Amino acid sequence: AILAYLFVIRRREVEVNPVIVEGLNPTDREVLRALIEMGGEAYQADLQRRLNMPKATLWRAIRRLENSGYVQVIKEGRVNRIRLIKKPRLD
């Protein structure tokens, strides 16, 4: 039983590492793909409608992408415009 447990634990680590190494989770990738398809710039509300994603989930992804240097958030009054500043490789 212990050997089976250790085997399962090691298998899980292999699956988790690619996300950590690349630094982008599936939600981040989805947001970047949508931004690229929308010409590299879009309002947050338009992204939300296109991705059919909750507002808070999208905002957390945008903040992660901004902190990673992929996007810039431009505040225009009460709305946010999201601009792609570093195009990633999305294999």
Protein backbone atom coordinates (compact mmCIF):
# COMPACT_ATOMS: atom_id res chain seq x y z
CA ALA A 1 0.00 0.00 0.00
CA ILE A 2 2.85 2.39 0.80
CA LEU A 3 4.53 1.73 -2.55
CA ALA A 4 1.26 2.36 -4.38
CA TYR A 5 0.81 5.62 -2.45
CA LEU A 6 4.33 6.79 -3.31
CA PHE A 7 3.79 5.90 -6.96
CA VAL A 8 0.59 7.96 -7.08
CA ILE A 9 2.27 10.94 -5.38
CA ARG A 10 5.15 10.91 -7.89
CA ARG A 11 2.73 10.64 -10.81
CA ARG A 12 0.85 13.73 -9.60
CA GLU A 13 4.03 15.79 -9.43
CA VAL A 14 4.77 15.06 -13.09
CA GLU A 15 1.35 16.37 -14.12
CA VAL A 16 1.60 19.57 -12.06
CA ASN A 17 5.13 20.65 -13.08
CA PRO A 18 4.41 21.78 -16.67
CA VAL A 19 1.98 24.47 -15.45
CA ILE A 20 4.48 25.72 -12.87
CA VAL A 21 7.37 25.76 -15.34
CA GLU A 22 5.40 27.59 -18.04
CA GLY A 23 3.77 29.92 -15.52
CA LEU A 24 0.42 29.93 -17.28
CA ASN A 25 -2.60 27.96 -16.18
CA PRO A 26 -5.40 27.01 -18.61
CA THR A 27 -7.48 30.08 -17.71
CA ASP A 28 -4.54 32.40 -18.41
CA ARG A 29 -3.96 30.69 -21.76
CA GLU A 30 -7.63 31.04 -22.66
CA VAL A 31 -7.55 34.78 -21.90
CA LEU A 32 -4.37 35.26 -23.95
CA ARG A 33 -5.82 33.34 -26.91
CA ALA A 34 -8.95 35.48 -26.85
CA LEU A 35 -6.89 38.67 -26.68
CA ILE A 36 -4.79 37.57 -29.65
CA GLU A 37 -7.94 36.72 -31.65
CA MET A 38 -9.41 40.13 -30.74
CA GLY A 39 -6.42 41.97 -32.20
CA GLY A 40 -4.30 42.30 -29.07
CA GLU A 41 -6.56 44.70 -27.24
CA ALA A 42 -10.06 44.49 -25.75
CA TYR A 43 -12.25 45.85 -23.02
CA GLN A 44 -12.57 43.59 -20.01
CA ALA A 45 -16.35 43.38 -20.47
CA ASP A 46 -15.91 42.23 -24.09
CA LEU A 47 -13.42 39.57 -22.98
CA GLN A 48 -15.84 38.42 -20.31
CA ARG A 49 -18.67 38.06 -22.82
CA ARG A 50 -16.47 36.26 -25.35
CA LEU A 51 -15.10 33.79 -22.79
CA ASN A 52 -18.34 33.43 -20.84
CA MET A 53 -16.27 33.60 -17.68
CA PRO A 54 -17.20 35.02 -14.26
CA LYS A 55 -15.96 38.57 -13.72
CA ALA A 56 -13.81 37.66 -10.68
CA THR A 57 -12.17 34.70 -12.45
CA LEU A 58 -11.30 36.85 -15.45
CA TRP A 59 -9.94 39.65 -13.26
CA ARG A 60 -7.69 37.25 -11.33
CA ALA A 61 -6.33 35.89 -14.64
CA ILE A 62 -5.75 39.42 -15.94
CA ARG A 63 -3.87 40.37 -12.76
CA ARG A 64 -1.66 37.26 -13.04
CA LEU A 65 -0.95 38.07 -16.68
CA GLU A 66 -0.20 41.69 -15.83
CA ASN A 67 2.21 40.63 -13.07
CA SER A 68 3.90 38.24 -15.52
CA GLY A 69 4.35 41.02 -18.08
CA TYR A 70 1.95 39.70 -20.74
CA VAL A 71 -0.74 42.39 -20.58
CA GLN A 72 -1.23 45.99 -19.55
CA VAL A 73 -4.43 47.19 -17.87
CA ILE A 74 -5.48 50.67 -18.98
CA LYS A 75 -8.17 52.23 -16.81
CA GLU A 76 -10.62 54.38 -18.74
CA GLY A 77 -13.07 55.79 -16.23
CA ARG A 78 -15.02 52.82 -14.92
CA VAL A 79 -13.88 50.33 -17.57
CA ASN A 80 -10.62 48.51 -18.16
CA ARG A 81 -8.96 48.09 -21.52
CA ILE A 82 -6.60 45.11 -21.67
CA ARG A 83 -3.64 45.39 -24.05
CA LEU A 84 -1.34 42.52 -24.98
CA ILE A 85 2.28 43.64 -24.56
CA LYS A 86 4.14 40.32 -24.83
CA LYS A 87 2.92 37.65 -27.23
CA PRO A 88 3.35 34.19 -25.68
CA ARG A 89 3.94 30.84 -27.35
CA LEU A 90 0.70 28.94 -26.81
CA ASP A 91 1.58 25.45 -28.02
